[in-house]
Amino acid sequence: MYPALRLRRLRMKASLRALFQETRLSKDDLVQAVSDGDTAVVDRALEAGLHGLYVAPRCLADAAERVKELRAAAGAATALFVSIDAGFNEEASLMDSVLQIASAGGDVVLLDVPNHRLNALREMLEGEGFIHTVLAAKAAKGAESHVPDSADALFADGGLCELDLLADLCGSTVAPVIAVQPAAEVNQLSAAFDREWLDSSKVVPETLLSLKRAGASAIVSPFAVQVLAHI
């Protein structure tokens, strides 16, 4: 008990922190979220050696074209993550768009769709020869998550206010969990950085490290390149 036990003793020097730190954030954990037309961040991500780029097209019609653009810029080695909006309801168009995304070079498709639609997409991809396309299913909140047979991974919101839910999810499944930093949180943090209310060099590393600590296998964030200078 305090004062005999002072946990801060193990964190008083950088050398001690390096030796005893349990959770470490590295470029291997990060996927750079890319806004439409932001070629500069793509270049910085590739120069930094990040393994993944993430795009969330405004509509399915734009998805394959965005993937083609990124694949041309990133080369074959970089993994491309593509998120498809949950509100899309036409099965035939959804299947056609996922096929186009796979054909254009998309590696990981994040889908918030019912299991039966996920199964149909997997069957279609297998039949078309895209046997290595990764399908990531949206994880249900507040419950131990069952991994659909056709899903290779799960994805979930990676907001600071939902760290307990993320930790519960990661602890209840053997599947990889992709944490996607919500746009609303990103906008709030960016506004605070712009007004100098918060120090991004301190807040961003701790924010993304907290997602890794909760158990995320991959972290999607527009701050991925920025954080590399501080870890």
Protein backbone atom coordinates (compact mmCIF):
# COMPACT_ATOMS: atom_id res chain seq x y z
CA MET A 1 0.00 0.00 0.00
CA TYR A 2 0.93 3.64 -0.48
CA PRO A 3 3.52 4.99 0.29
CA ALA A 4 5.35 1.65 0.30
CA LEU A 5 3.95 1.01 -3.18
CA ARG A 6 4.43 3.93 -5.55
CA LEU A 7 3.68 2.89 -9.14
CA ARG A 8 5.14 6.16 -10.38
CA ARG A 9 8.63 4.95 -9.40
CA LEU A 10 8.68 2.76 -12.50
CA ARG A 11 7.85 5.73 -14.72
CA MET A 12 10.22 8.41 -13.43
CA LYS A 13 12.88 7.93 -16.13
CA ALA A 14 12.59 7.28 -19.84
CA SER A 15 14.96 4.32 -19.44
CA LEU A 16 12.75 2.75 -16.78
CA ARG A 17 9.60 3.38 -18.80
CA ALA A 18 11.20 1.68 -21.81
CA LEU A 19 12.08 -1.36 -19.72
CA PHE A 20 8.77 -1.80 -17.89
CA GLN A 21 6.19 -0.53 -20.38
CA GLU A 22 3.57 -3.21 -20.98
CA THR A 23 1.92 -1.77 -24.12
CA ARG A 24 3.84 -0.31 -27.01
CA LEU A 25 2.51 1.49 -30.06
CA SER A 26 4.39 1.10 -33.33
CA LYS A 27 3.89 1.71 -37.02
CA ASP A 28 2.87 -1.94 -37.33
CA ASP A 29 -0.32 -1.15 -35.37
CA LEU A 30 -1.45 1.79 -37.49
CA VAL A 31 -3.56 2.32 -40.59
CA GLN A 32 -3.68 5.84 -42.05
CA ALA A 33 -7.18 7.15 -42.76
CA VAL A 34 -7.15 9.07 -46.05
CA SER A 35 -9.56 11.84 -47.02
CA ASP A 36 -10.66 12.26 -50.63
CA GLY A 37 -7.93 13.83 -52.73
CA ASP A 38 -5.36 13.99 -49.93
CA THR A 39 -2.36 12.68 -51.85
CA ALA A 40 0.10 14.35 -49.48
CA VAL A 41 -0.90 12.17 -46.53
CA VAL A 42 -0.64 9.07 -48.73
CA ASP A 43 2.93 10.03 -49.61
CA ARG A 44 3.80 10.66 -45.95
CA ALA A 45 2.28 7.33 -44.88
CA LEU A 46 4.28 5.43 -47.48
CA GLU A 47 7.49 7.25 -46.59
CA ALA A 48 6.89 6.41 -42.92
CA GLY A 49 6.50 2.73 -43.75
CA LEU A 50 2.89 2.31 -42.64
CA HIS A 51 1.40 -0.95 -43.85
CA GLY A 52 -2.18 0.19 -44.43
CA LEU A 53 -4.33 2.96 -45.89
CA TYR A 54 -8.05 3.34 -45.13
CA VAL A 55 -10.73 5.03 -47.18
CA ALA A 56 -14.47 5.45 -46.56
CA PRO A 57 -15.99 6.47 -49.93
CA ARG A 58 -19.02 8.77 -49.87
CA CYS A 59 -20.94 6.26 -51.98
CA LEU A 60 -20.44 2.81 -53.43
CA ALA A 61 -20.17 4.22 -56.93
CA ASP A 62 -16.95 6.00 -55.90
CA ALA A 63 -15.43 3.11 -53.97
CA ALA A 64 -13.69 1.20 -56.75
CA GLU A 65 -12.28 4.40 -58.28
CA ARG A 66 -10.86 5.53 -54.93
CA VAL A 67 -9.25 2.11 -54.46
CA LYS A 68 -7.72 2.29 -57.95
CA GLU A 69 -6.25 5.71 -57.16
CA LEU A 70 -4.78 4.54 -53.86
CA ARG A 71 -3.44 1.32 -55.33
CA ALA A 72 -1.69 3.25 -58.08
CA ALA A 73 -0.13 5.58 -55.51
CA ALA A 74 0.69 3.00 -52.84
CA GLY A 75 1.95 0.09 -54.90
CA ALA A 76 1.24 -3.58 -54.36
CA ALA A 77 2.68 -4.03 -50.88
CA THR A 78 0.43 -1.66 -48.93
CA ALA A 79 -2.86 -3.05 -47.58
CA LEU A 80 -5.93 -1.05 -48.61
CA PHE A 81 -8.87 -0.94 -46.19
CA VAL A 82 -12.26 0.11 -47.58
CA SER A 83 -15.32 0.84 -45.42
CA ILE A 84 -18.79 0.46 -46.91
CA ASP A 85 -21.68 2.46 -45.48
CA ALA A 86 -24.24 0.44 -43.53
CA GLY A 87 -27.20 2.20 -45.10
CA PHE A 88 -26.83 0.54 -48.48
CA ASN A 89 -29.71 -1.87 -49.05
CA GLU A 90 -29.64 -3.18 -52.62
CA GLU A 91 -27.99 -6.60 -52.46
CA ALA A 92 -27.09 -6.86 -56.14
CA SER A 93 -25.44 -3.42 -56.20
CA LEU A 94 -23.60 -4.13 -52.96
CA MET A 95 -22.20 -7.38 -54.33
CA ASP A 96 -21.20 -5.71 -57.58
CA SER A 97 -19.43 -2.90 -55.73
CA VAL A 98 -17.53 -5.28 -53.42
CA LEU A 99 -16.42 -7.24 -56.49
CA GLN A 100 -15.23 -4.01 -58.13
CA ILE A 101 -13.35 -3.05 -54.96
CA ALA A 102 -11.62 -6.44 -54.89
CA SER A 103 -10.83 -6.16 -58.61
CA ALA A 104 -9.37 -2.68 -58.08
CA GLY A 105 -6.99 -3.96 -55.40
CA GLY A 106 -8.88 -3.56 -52.13
CA ASP A 107 -7.51 -5.92 -49.49
CA VAL A 108 -9.83 -5.46 -46.50
CA VAL A 109 -13.52 -4.58 -46.81
CA LEU A 110 -15.25 -3.36 -43.64
CA LEU A 111 -18.98 -4.12 -43.76
CA ASP A 112 -21.86 -3.42 -41.42
CA VAL A 113 -24.30 -5.92 -42.92
CA PRO A 114 -26.29 -8.92 -41.64
CA ASN A 115 -24.57 -12.31 -41.55
CA HIS A 116 -26.54 -13.73 -44.47
CA ARG A 117 -25.34 -10.89 -46.72
CA LEU A 118 -21.79 -11.38 -45.53
CA ASN A 119 -22.06 -15.07 -46.41
CA ALA A 120 -23.37 -14.19 -49.89
CA LEU A 121 -20.48 -11.79 -50.43
CA ARG A 122 -17.92 -14.40 -49.39
CA GLU A 123 -19.45 -16.97 -51.73
CA MET A 124 -19.38 -14.47 -54.59
CA LEU A 125 -15.75 -13.48 -53.96
CA GLU A 126 -14.65 -17.11 -53.77
CA GLY A 127 -16.47 -17.87 -57.01
CA GLU A 128 -14.78 -14.96 -58.75
CA GLY A 129 -11.33 -16.02 -57.59
CA PHE A 130 -10.79 -13.33 -54.91
CA ILE A 131 -10.00 -15.88 -52.24
CA HIS A 132 -7.68 -13.56 -50.29
CA THR A 133 -10.02 -10.58 -49.89
CA VAL A 134 -10.49 -9.95 -46.15
CA LEU A 135 -14.03 -9.27 -44.89
CA ALA A 136 -14.33 -7.48 -41.55
CA ALA A 137 -17.73 -7.51 -39.83
CA LYS A 138 -19.07 -4.75 -37.57
CA ALA A 139 -19.00 -5.91 -33.96
CA ALA A 140 -22.15 -5.64 -31.87
CA LYS A 141 -21.87 -3.26 -28.94
CA GLY A 142 -22.15 -4.40 -25.36
CA ALA A 143 -22.05 -8.12 -26.03
CA GLU A 144 -19.57 -10.91 -26.53
CA SER A 145 -19.14 -10.83 -30.24
CA HIS A 146 -19.76 -13.86 -32.40
CA VAL A 147 -17.56 -13.87 -35.49
CA PRO A 148 -19.60 -14.73 -38.58
CA ASP A 149 -18.25 -17.71 -40.51
CA SER A 150 -17.54 -15.53 -43.54
CA ALA A 151 -15.69 -12.82 -41.60
CA ASP A 152 -11.93 -12.81 -41.07
CA ALA A 153 -11.92 -9.96 -38.56
CA LEU A 154 -14.15 -7.60 -36.60
CA PHE A 155 -14.15 -3.82 -36.52
CA ALA A 156 -15.51 -1.39 -33.96
CA ASP A 157 -15.56 2.30 -33.09
CA GLY A 158 -12.35 3.24 -31.34
CA GLY A 159 -13.58 6.23 -29.38
CA LEU A 160 -12.18 7.16 -25.98
CA CYS A 161 -15.65 6.98 -24.44
CA GLU A 162 -15.97 3.35 -25.61
CA LEU A 163 -12.67 1.90 -24.42
CA ASP A 164 -14.41 -0.42 -21.97
CA LEU A 165 -16.60 -1.83 -24.74
CA LEU A 166 -13.57 -2.25 -27.00
CA ALA A 167 -11.66 -4.06 -24.25
CA ASP A 168 -14.62 -6.36 -23.57
CA LEU A 169 -14.88 -7.13 -27.29
CA CYS A 170 -11.17 -7.87 -27.69
CA GLY A 171 -11.25 -10.08 -24.62
CA SER A 172 -14.20 -12.10 -25.88
CA THR A 173 -12.95 -13.08 -29.34
CA VAL A 174 -9.89 -14.65 -30.91
CA ALA A 175 -10.50 -12.74 -34.15
CA PRO A 176 -8.42 -9.63 -34.90
CA VAL A 177 -10.24 -6.41 -33.98
CA ILE A 178 -9.80 -3.25 -36.05
CA ALA A 179 -10.46 -0.07 -34.06
CA VAL A 180 -11.65 2.82 -36.23
CA GLN A 181 -11.31 6.24 -34.61
CA PRO A 182 -14.70 7.98 -34.99
CA ALA A 183 -14.90 11.10 -37.14
CA ALA A 184 -16.66 13.06 -34.39
CA GLU A 185 -13.80 12.44 -31.97
CA VAL A 186 -11.22 13.31 -34.62
CA ASN A 187 -13.00 16.60 -35.33
CA GLN A 188 -13.15 17.47 -31.63
CA LEU A 189 -9.47 16.75 -31.10
CA SER A 190 -8.45 18.63 -34.25
CA ALA A 191 -10.42 21.69 -33.14
CA ALA A 192 -8.78 21.59 -29.73
CA PHE A 193 -5.32 21.30 -31.31
CA ASP A 194 -6.01 24.22 -33.65
CA ARG A 195 -7.02 26.41 -30.70
CA GLU A 196 -4.02 25.19 -28.69
CA TRP A 197 -6.29 23.92 -25.94
CA LEU A 198 -4.55 20.53 -26.14
CA ASP A 199 -1.02 19.51 -27.08
CA SER A 200 -1.29 17.08 -29.98
CA SER A 201 2.21 15.69 -29.33
CA LYS A 202 0.96 14.39 -25.98
CA VAL A 203 -2.72 13.70 -26.60
CA VAL A 204 -2.48 11.80 -29.90
CA PRO A 205 0.04 9.18 -28.71
CA GLU A 206 -1.92 8.53 -25.52
CA THR A 207 -5.23 8.38 -27.42
CA LEU A 208 -3.99 5.76 -29.88
CA LEU A 209 -2.01 3.89 -27.23
CA SER A 210 -5.22 3.51 -25.21
CA LEU A 211 -6.81 1.67 -28.16
CA LYS A 212 -3.83 -0.69 -28.36
CA ARG A 213 -4.02 -1.20 -24.60
CA ALA A 214 -7.69 -2.13 -24.94
CA GLY A 215 -6.67 -4.93 -27.29
CA ALA A 216 -7.04 -3.58 -30.85
CA SER A 217 -4.99 -5.45 -33.45
CA ALA A 218 -5.04 -2.54 -35.90
CA ILE A 219 -5.91 1.13 -35.36
CA VAL A 220 -7.38 3.29 -38.12
CA SER A 221 -6.75 7.00 -37.55
CA PRO A 222 -6.03 10.18 -39.53
CA PHE A 223 -3.32 10.81 -36.89
CA ALA A 224 -1.38 7.64 -37.76
CA VAL A 225 1.48 9.40 -39.56
CA GLN A 226 1.58 12.23 -37.04
CA VAL A 227 1.93 9.95 -34.04
CA LEU A 228 5.05 8.24 -35.41
CA ALA A 229 7.16 11.25 -34.45
CA HIS A 230 6.18 10.82 -30.79
CA ILE A 231 6.46 7.08 -30.14
